[in-house]
């Protein structure tokens, strides 16, 4: 399906990332695999999305890069790595914000990035438990937690995140 050797890609990432970013990426991959296995996602897609999701993340760069690095990484994945699968590219593009109509892979990467084993914030264990039981509820609760955090810090949610919350609420209510 893809012409990318994960071992070669690992070497690229080790050279490209700080030790902290590499460790976070490995934690994201670990949880993404667990979620992907549980919810039936293609392991190759999970691998590429998880390994490259922070390819353009700049350490200590502030809120602007926190929101923009996913889109930049998706563009580089297509241009430099030849990845054209829209699901993988969207998962990377929206991994920090979510969006209305997220795919299963998009939810998996969003959750894996936010809840990976290296994360230690107050509510993370509860959110991991929910995510491992129910992909939609886990994504919704994690976005709600993000909304509360951003509000407390004096930031607003992005329009994509607001739309994702509304959509997830609709999806959960339909069940």
Foldseek 3Di string as FASTA:
>chain_A
DFPDDLVVLLVVLVVQDDPVVNVLLVLLLVQLVLLCVLVVHDNVLSSVLSNQLQSQQDPPPDDVCLLQRLQVSLVCCCVPRVDDPPLSSVLSNCLCAAAAPRDSSNLSSVLSSQQGPVDDDDCNVVLSVVCSVDSLVSSLVSLVVVQVVCVVVPHHHDPRNVRSNVNSVVVVVVD
